[in-house]
PDB file of N, CA and C in Angstrom:
ATOM      1  N   MET A   1       0.829  -1.189   0.000  1.00  0.00           N
ATOM      2  CA  MET A   1       0.000   0.000   0.000  1.00  0.00           C
ATOM      3  C   MET A   1       0.873   1.252   0.000  1.00  0.00           C
ATOM      4  N   ALA A   2       1.851   1.315   0.901  1.00  0.00           N
ATOM      5  CA  ALA A   2       2.718   2.497   0.971  1.00  0.00           C
ATOM      6  C   ALA A   2       3.579   2.595  -0.273  1.00  0.00           C
ATOM      7  N   LEU A   3       4.014   1.454  -0.799  1.00  0.00           N
ATOM      8  CA  LEU A   3       4.857   1.462  -1.985  1.00  0.00           C
ATOM      9  C   LEU A   3       4.091   1.996  -3.194  1.00  0.00           C
ATOM     10  N   SER A   4       2.847   1.624  -3.348  1.00  0.00           N
ATOM     11  CA  SER A   4       2.066   2.135  -4.474  1.00  0.00           C
ATOM     12  C   SER A   4       1.813   3.636  -4.311  1.00  0.00           C
ATOM     13  N   PHE A   5       1.659   4.103  -3.091  1.00  0.00           N
ATOM     14  CA  PHE A   5       1.495   5.535  -2.843  1.00  0.00           C
ATOM     15  C   PHE A   5       2.748   6.293  -3.265  1.00  0.00           C
ATOM     16  N   ILE A   6       3.926   5.760  -2.914  1.00  0.00           N
ATOM     17  CA  ILE A   6       5.186   6.409  -3.281  1.00  0.00           C
ATOM     18  C   ILE A   6       5.377   6.385  -4.787  1.00  0.00           C
ATOM     19  N   GLN A   7       5.052   5.282  -5.436  1.00  0.00           N
ATOM     20  CA  GLN A   7       5.204   5.201  -6.879  1.00  0.00           C
ATOM     21  C   GLN A   7       4.258   6.162  -7.590  1.00  0.00           C
ATOM     22  N   ASN A   8       3.088   6.396  -7.036  1.00  0.00           N
ATOM     23  CA  ASN A   8       2.154   7.342  -7.631  1.00  0.00           C
ATOM     24  C   ASN A   8       2.629   8.783  -7.463  1.00  0.00           C
ATOM     25  N   MET A   9       3.536   9.028  -6.536  1.00  0.00           N
ATOM     26  CA  MET A   9       4.050  10.374  -6.324  1.00  0.00           C
ATOM     27  C   MET A   9       5.148  10.731  -7.316  1.00  0.00           C
ATOM     28  N   GLY A  10       5.574   9.849  -8.156  1.00  0.00           N
ATOM     29  CA  GLY A  10       6.617  10.180  -9.116  1.00  0.00           C
ATOM     30  C   GLY A  10       7.582   9.039  -9.330  1.00  0.00           C
ATOM     31  N   GLY A  11       7.075   7.852  -9.361  1.00  0.00           N
ATOM     32  CA  GLY A  11       7.955   6.711  -9.553  1.00  0.00           C
ATOM     33  C   GLY A  11       8.665   6.343  -8.269  1.00  0.00           C
ATOM     34  N   GLY A  12       9.766   5.657  -8.429  1.00  0.00           N
ATOM     35  CA  GLY A  12      10.518   5.214  -7.270  1.00  0.00           C
ATOM     36  C   GLY A  12      11.649   6.140  -6.907  1.00  0.00           C
ATOM     37  N   ILE A  13      11.606   7.377  -7.399  1.00  0.00           N
ATOM     38  CA  ILE A  13      12.712   8.299  -7.159  1.00  0.00           C
ATOM     39  C   ILE A  13      12.896   8.584  -5.679  1.00  0.00           C
ATOM     40  N   ILE A  14      11.817   8.607  -4.930  1.00  0.00           N
ATOM     41  CA  ILE A  14      11.929   8.863  -3.492  1.00  0.00           C
ATOM     42  C   ILE A  14      12.640   7.707  -2.816  1.00  0.00           C
ATOM     43  N   LEU A  15      12.345   6.486  -3.216  1.00  0.00           N
ATOM     44  CA  LEU A  15      13.034   5.327  -2.654  1.00  0.00           C
ATOM     45  C   LEU A  15      14.510   5.317  -3.026  1.00  0.00           C
ATOM     46  N   VAL A  16      14.822   5.699  -4.243  1.00  0.00           N
ATOM     47  CA  VAL A  16      16.210   5.746  -4.683  1.00  0.00           C
ATOM     48  C   VAL A  16      16.976   6.802  -3.893  1.00  0.00           C
ATOM     49  N   LEU A  17      16.399   7.968  -3.731  1.00  0.00           N
ATOM     50  CA  LEU A  17      17.041   9.020  -2.951  1.00  0.00           C
ATOM     51  C   LEU A  17      17.221   8.605  -1.493  1.00  0.00           C
ATOM     52  N   TRP A  18      16.231   7.943  -0.928  1.00  0.00           N
ATOM     53  CA  TRP A  18      16.320   7.454   0.437  1.00  0.00           C
ATOM     54  C   TRP A  18      17.435   6.432   0.567  1.00  0.00           C
ATOM     55  N   PHE A  19      17.555   5.533  -0.402  1.00  0.00           N
ATOM     56  CA  PHE A  19      18.592   4.501  -0.384  1.00  0.00           C
ATOM     57  C   PHE A  19      19.984   5.131  -0.435  1.00  0.00           C
ATOM     58  N   PHE A  20      20.211   6.075  -1.354  1.00  0.00           N
ATOM     59  CA  PHE A  20      21.516   6.717  -1.455  1.00  0.00           C
ATOM     60  C   PHE A  20      21.815   7.592  -0.236  1.00  0.00           C
ATOM     61  N   SER A  21      20.801   8.197   0.346  1.00  0.00           N
ATOM     62  CA  SER A  21      21.000   8.972   1.573  1.00  0.00           C
ATOM     63  C   SER A  21      21.428   8.072   2.720  1.00  0.00           C
ATOM     64  N   LEU A  22      20.828   6.924   2.825  1.00  0.00           N
ATOM     65  CA  LEU A  22      21.194   5.960   3.850  1.00  0.00           C
ATOM     66  C   LEU A  22      22.624   5.462   3.647  1.00  0.00           C
ATOM     67  N   LEU A  23      23.001   5.169   2.409  1.00  0.00           N
ATOM     68  CA  LEU A  23      24.370   4.755   2.117  1.00  0.00           C
ATOM     69  C   LEU A  23      25.367   5.848   2.481  1.00  0.00           C
ATOM     70  N   TYR A  24      25.040   7.079   2.178  1.00  0.00           N
ATOM     71  CA  TYR A  24      25.932   8.193   2.497  1.00  0.00           C
ATOM     72  C   TYR A  24      26.098   8.354   3.999  1.00  0.00           C
ATOM     73  N   ILE A  25      25.023   8.242   4.750  1.00  0.00           N
ATOM     74  CA  ILE A  25      25.095   8.366   6.208  1.00  0.00           C
ATOM     75  C   ILE A  25      25.959   7.260   6.796  1.00  0.00           C
ATOM     76  N   ILE A  26      25.813   6.043   6.284  1.00  0.00           N
ATOM     77  CA  ILE A  26      26.638   4.928   6.755  1.00  0.00           C
ATOM     78  C   ILE A  26      28.108   5.189   6.437  1.00  0.00           C
ATOM     79  N   LEU A  27      28.410   5.670   5.236  1.00  0.00           N
ATOM     80  CA  LEU A  27      29.783   5.991   4.853  1.00  0.00           C
ATOM     81  C   LEU A  27      30.354   7.091   5.743  1.00  0.00           C
ATOM     82  N   TRP A  28      29.578   8.112   6.024  1.00  0.00           N
ATOM     83  CA  TRP A  28      30.004   9.237   6.842  1.00  0.00           C
ATOM     84  C   TRP A  28      30.322   8.784   8.263  1.00  0.00           C
ATOM     85  N   ILE A  29      29.452   7.959   8.841  1.00  0.00           N
ATOM     86  CA  ILE A  29      29.679   7.440  10.196  1.00  0.00           C
ATOM     87  C   ILE A  29      30.902   6.529  10.219  1.00  0.00           C
ATOM     88  N   TYR A  30      31.069   5.686   9.197  1.00  0.00           N
ATOM     89  CA  TYR A  30      32.240   4.818   9.117  1.00  0.00           C
ATOM     90  C   TYR A  30      33.525   5.644   9.112  1.00  0.00           C
ATOM     91  N   CYS A  31      33.553   6.688   8.323  1.00  0.00           N
ATOM     92  CA  CYS A  31      34.753   7.540   8.243  1.00  0.00           C
ATOM     93  C   CYS A  31      35.023   8.231   9.573  1.00  0.00           C
ATOM     94  N   LEU A  32      34.002   8.747  10.228  1.00  0.00           N
ATOM     95  CA  LEU A  32      34.197   9.401  11.521  1.00  0.00           C
ATOM     96  C   LEU A  32      34.738   8.425  12.567  1.00  0.00           C
ATOM     97  N   VAL A  33      34.188   7.234  12.618  1.00  0.00           N
ATOM     98  CA  VAL A  33      34.656   6.230  13.579  1.00  0.00           C
ATOM     99  C   VAL A  33      36.091   5.820  13.256  1.00  0.00           C
ATOM    100  N   ASP A  34      36.402   5.658  11.980  1.00  0.00           N
ATOM    101  CA  ASP A  34      37.760   5.276  11.576  1.00  0.00           C
ATOM    102  C   ASP A  34      38.766   6.364  11.946  1.00  0.00           C
ATOM    103  N   ILE A  35      38.401   7.611  11.791  1.00  0.00           N
ATOM    104  CA  ILE A  35      39.296   8.716  12.149  1.00  0.00           C
ATOM    105  C   ILE A  35      39.553   8.724  13.654  1.00  0.00           C
ATOM    106  N   VAL A  36      38.518   8.572  14.436  1.00  0.00           N
ATOM    107  CA  VAL A  36      38.658   8.636  15.887  1.00  0.00           C
ATOM    108  C   VAL A  36      39.484   7.462  16.412  1.00  0.00           C
ATOM    109  N   ARG A  37      39.335   6.289  15.831  1.00  0.00           N
ATOM    110  CA  ARG A  37      40.021   5.099  16.325  1.00  0.00           C
ATOM    111  C   ARG A  37      41.436   4.931  15.783  1.00  0.00           C
ATOM    112  N   SER A  38      41.839   5.672  14.786  1.00  0.00           N
ATOM    113  CA  SER A  38      43.132   5.480  14.134  1.00  0.00           C
ATOM    114  C   SER A  38      44.221   6.333  14.766  1.00  0.00           C
ATOM    115  N   GLU A  39      45.452   5.879  14.593  1.00  0.00           N
ATOM    116  CA  GLU A  39      46.635   6.636  14.988  1.00  0.00           C
ATOM    117  C   GLU A  39      47.264   7.214  13.731  1.00  0.00           C
ATOM    118  N   TYR A  40      47.733   8.443  13.831  1.00  0.00           N
ATOM    119  CA  TYR A  40      48.293   9.132  12.677  1.00  0.00           C
ATOM    120  C   TYR A  40      49.754   9.474  12.914  1.00  0.00           C
ATOM    121  N   LYS A  41      50.505   9.620  11.808  1.00  0.00           N
ATOM    122  CA  LYS A  41      51.912  10.007  11.896  1.00  0.00           C
ATOM    123  C   LYS A  41      52.053  11.364  12.565  1.00  0.00           C
ATOM    124  N   ASP A  42      51.198  12.279  12.198  1.00  0.00           N
ATOM    125  CA  ASP A  42      51.163  13.616  12.794  1.00  0.00           C
ATOM    126  C   ASP A  42      49.867  13.728  13.603  1.00  0.00           C
ATOM    127  N   PRO A  43      49.939  13.964  14.903  1.00  0.00           N
ATOM    128  CA  PRO A  43      48.719  14.004  15.729  1.00  0.00           C
ATOM    129  C   PRO A  43      47.687  15.032  15.273  1.00  0.00           C
ATOM    130  N   SER A  44      48.116  16.092  14.633  1.00  0.00           N
ATOM    131  CA  SER A  44      47.151  17.107  14.201  1.00  0.00           C
ATOM    132  C   SER A  44      46.338  16.649  12.984  1.00  0.00           C
ATOM    133  N   MET A  45      46.764  15.584  12.321  1.00  0.00           N
ATOM    134  CA  MET A  45      46.019  15.095  11.147  1.00  0.00           C
ATOM    135  C   MET A  45      44.641  14.572  11.527  1.00  0.00           C
ATOM    136  N   LYS A  46      44.488  14.080  12.735  1.00  0.00           N
ATOM    137  CA  LYS A  46      43.173  13.611  13.186  1.00  0.00           C
ATOM    138  C   LYS A  46      42.176  14.767  13.163  1.00  0.00           C
ATOM    139  N   LEU A  47      42.589  15.910  13.677  1.00  0.00           N
ATOM    140  CA  LEU A  47      41.722  17.090  13.665  1.00  0.00           C
ATOM    141  C   LEU A  47      41.463  17.570  12.243  1.00  0.00           C
ATOM    142  N   VAL A  48      42.498  17.548  11.407  1.00  0.00           N
ATOM    143  CA  VAL A  48      42.338  17.979  10.013  1.00  0.00           C
ATOM    144  C   VAL A  48      41.317  17.096   9.303  1.00  0.00           C
ATOM    145  N   TRP A  49      41.438  15.776   9.461  1.00  0.00           N
ATOM    146  CA  TRP A  49      40.487  14.878   8.796  1.00  0.00           C
ATOM    147  C   TRP A  49      39.077  15.039   9.352  1.00  0.00           C
ATOM    148  N   LEU A  50      38.953  15.243  10.646  1.00  0.00           N
ATOM    149  CA  LEU A  50      37.618  15.482  11.214  1.00  0.00           C
ATOM    150  C   LEU A  50      36.978  16.735  10.630  1.00  0.00           C
ATOM    151  N   LEU A  51      37.764  17.787  10.495  1.00  0.00           N
ATOM    152  CA  LEU A  51      37.234  19.028   9.914  1.00  0.00           C
ATOM    153  C   LEU A  51      36.863  18.836   8.442  1.00  0.00           C
ATOM    154  N   ILE A  52      37.669  18.078   7.713  1.00  0.00           N
ATOM    155  CA  ILE A  52      37.349  17.818   6.303  1.00  0.00           C
ATOM    156  C   ILE A  52      36.049  17.044   6.195  1.00  0.00           C
ATOM    157  N   ILE A  53      35.888  16.023   7.031  1.00  0.00           N
ATOM    158  CA  ILE A  53      34.658  15.217   6.993  1.00  0.00           C
ATOM    159  C   ILE A  53      33.442  16.062   7.378  1.00  0.00           C
ATOM    160  N   LEU A  54      33.594  16.920   8.377  1.00  0.00           N
ATOM    161  CA  LEU A  54      32.456  17.703   8.853  1.00  0.00           C
ATOM    162  C   LEU A  54      32.070  18.843   7.921  1.00  0.00           C
ATOM    163  N   PHE A  55      33.059  19.513   7.312  1.00  0.00           N
ATOM    164  CA  PHE A  55      32.750  20.700   6.522  1.00  0.00           C
ATOM    165  C   PHE A  55      32.668  20.444   5.019  1.00  0.00           C
ATOM    166  N   ALA A  56      33.293  19.410   4.532  1.00  0.00           N
ATOM    167  CA  ALA A  56      33.176  19.053   3.111  1.00  0.00           C
ATOM    168  C   ALA A  56      32.224  17.858   3.025  1.00  0.00           C
ATOM    169  N   GLN A  57      30.970  18.119   3.281  1.00  0.00           N
ATOM    170  CA  GLN A  57      29.984  17.060   3.468  1.00  0.00           C
ATOM    171  C   GLN A  57      29.927  16.044   2.337  1.00  0.00           C
ATOM    172  N   VAL A  58      29.856  16.487   1.135  1.00  0.00           N
ATOM    173  CA  VAL A  58      29.640  15.556   0.022  1.00  0.00           C
ATOM    174  C   VAL A  58      30.925  14.833  -0.358  1.00  0.00           C
ATOM    175  N   ILE A  59      32.009  15.558  -0.485  1.00  0.00           N
ATOM    176  CA  ILE A  59      33.241  14.986  -1.001  1.00  0.00           C
ATOM    177  C   ILE A  59      34.187  14.539   0.121  1.00  0.00           C
ATOM    178  N   GLY A  60      33.994  14.999   1.340  1.00  0.00           N
ATOM    179  CA  GLY A  60      34.892  14.711   2.448  1.00  0.00           C
ATOM    180  C   GLY A  60      35.136  13.231   2.719  1.00  0.00           C
ATOM    181  N   PRO A  61      34.089  12.417   2.888  1.00  0.00           N
ATOM    182  CA  PRO A  61      34.323  10.995   3.135  1.00  0.00           C
ATOM    183  C   PRO A  61      35.028  10.290   1.979  1.00  0.00           C
ATOM    184  N   ILE A  62      34.749  10.693   0.774  1.00  0.00           N
ATOM    185  CA  ILE A  62      35.390  10.070  -0.386  1.00  0.00           C
ATOM    186  C   ILE A  62      36.870  10.427  -0.415  1.00  0.00           C
ATOM    187  N   VAL A  63      37.192  11.692  -0.151  1.00  0.00           N
ATOM    188  CA  VAL A  63      38.591  12.124  -0.103  1.00  0.00           C
ATOM    189  C   VAL A  63      39.325  11.389   1.010  1.00  0.00           C
ATOM    190  N   TYR A  64      38.675  11.225   2.164  1.00  0.00           N
ATOM    191  CA  TYR A  64      39.308  10.515   3.267  1.00  0.00           C
ATOM    192  C   TYR A  64      39.613   9.065   2.900  1.00  0.00           C
ATOM    193  N   LEU A  65      38.675   8.401   2.269  1.00  0.00           N
ATOM    194  CA  LEU A  65      38.897   7.005   1.904  1.00  0.00           C
ATOM    195  C   LEU A  65      40.020   6.859   0.885  1.00  0.00           C
ATOM    196  N   ILE A  66      40.180   7.843   0.013  1.00  0.00           N
ATOM    197  CA  ILE A  66      41.225   7.766  -1.013  1.00  0.00           C
ATOM    198  C   ILE A  66      42.581   8.177  -0.436  1.00  0.00           C
ATOM    199  N   MET A  67      42.642   9.260   0.325  1.00  0.00           N
ATOM    200  CA  MET A  67      43.920   9.821   0.749  1.00  0.00           C
ATOM    201  C   MET A  67      44.257   9.566   2.216  1.00  0.00           C
ATOM    202  N   GLY A  68      43.326   9.140   3.021  1.00  0.00           N
ATOM    203  CA  GLY A  68      43.546   9.006   4.456  1.00  0.00           C
ATOM    204  C   GLY A  68      44.512   7.917   4.863  1.00  0.00           C
ATOM    205  N   LYS A  69      44.651   6.875   4.080  1.00  0.00           N
ATOM    206  CA  LYS A  69      45.532   5.757   4.425  1.00  0.00           C
ATOM    207  C   LYS A  69      46.987   6.180   4.505  1.00  0.00           C
ATOM    208  N   GLY A  70      47.400   7.140   3.716  1.00  0.00           N
ATOM    209  CA  GLY A  70      48.789   7.585   3.705  1.00  0.00           C
ATOM    210  C   GLY A  70      49.197   8.363   4.939  1.00  0.00           C
ATOM    211  N   THR A  71      48.250   8.870   5.695  1.00  0.00           N
ATOM    212  CA  THR A  71      48.571   9.669   6.872  1.00  0.00           C
ATOM    213  C   THR A  71      48.549   8.855   8.155  1.00  0.00           C
ATOM    214  N   LYS A  72      48.145   7.588   8.085  1.00  0.00           N
ATOM    215  CA  LYS A  72      48.067   6.740   9.268  1.00  0.00           C
ATOM    216  C   LYS A  72      49.396   6.056   9.527  1.00  0.00           C
ATOM    217  N   THR A  73      49.614   5.682  10.795  1.00  0.00           N
ATOM    218  CA  THR A  73      50.793   4.892  11.124  1.00  0.00           C
ATOM    219  C   THR A  73      50.491   3.435  10.834  1.00  0.00           C
ATOM    220  N   ASN A  74      51.493   2.706  10.441  1.00  0.00           N
ATOM    221  CA  ASN A  74      51.331   1.289  10.122  1.00  0.00           C
ATOM    222  C   ASN A  74      51.996   0.460  11.203  1.00  0.00           C
ATOM    223  N   TYR A  75      51.231  -0.398  11.823  1.00  0.00           N
ATOM    224  CA  TYR A  75      51.759  -1.323  12.836  1.00  0.00           C
ATOM    225  C   TYR A  75      51.780  -2.725  12.245  1.00  0.00           C
ATOM    226  N   THR A  76      52.776  -3.001  11.419  1.00  0.00           N
ATOM    227  CA  THR A  76      52.872  -4.335  10.829  1.00  0.00           C
ATOM    228  C   THR A  76      54.003  -5.118  11.405  1.00  0.00           C
TER     229      THR A  76
END
């Protein structure tokens, strides 16, 4: 019943937007938790990454996932 109501409002675009919003929120929370739990070569990098994630909302988590590994310490 609810699904047919949503589809009558303009197709499934609302469901698609909801799905991508949920994925983004999960990615954002994952990045924040990873930043807080990680050790960095330079202690100030933790604050820098937190600010990037918080203020660069759309691109911040993606940039962190691509470039953040190089700033962490490796315990191998």
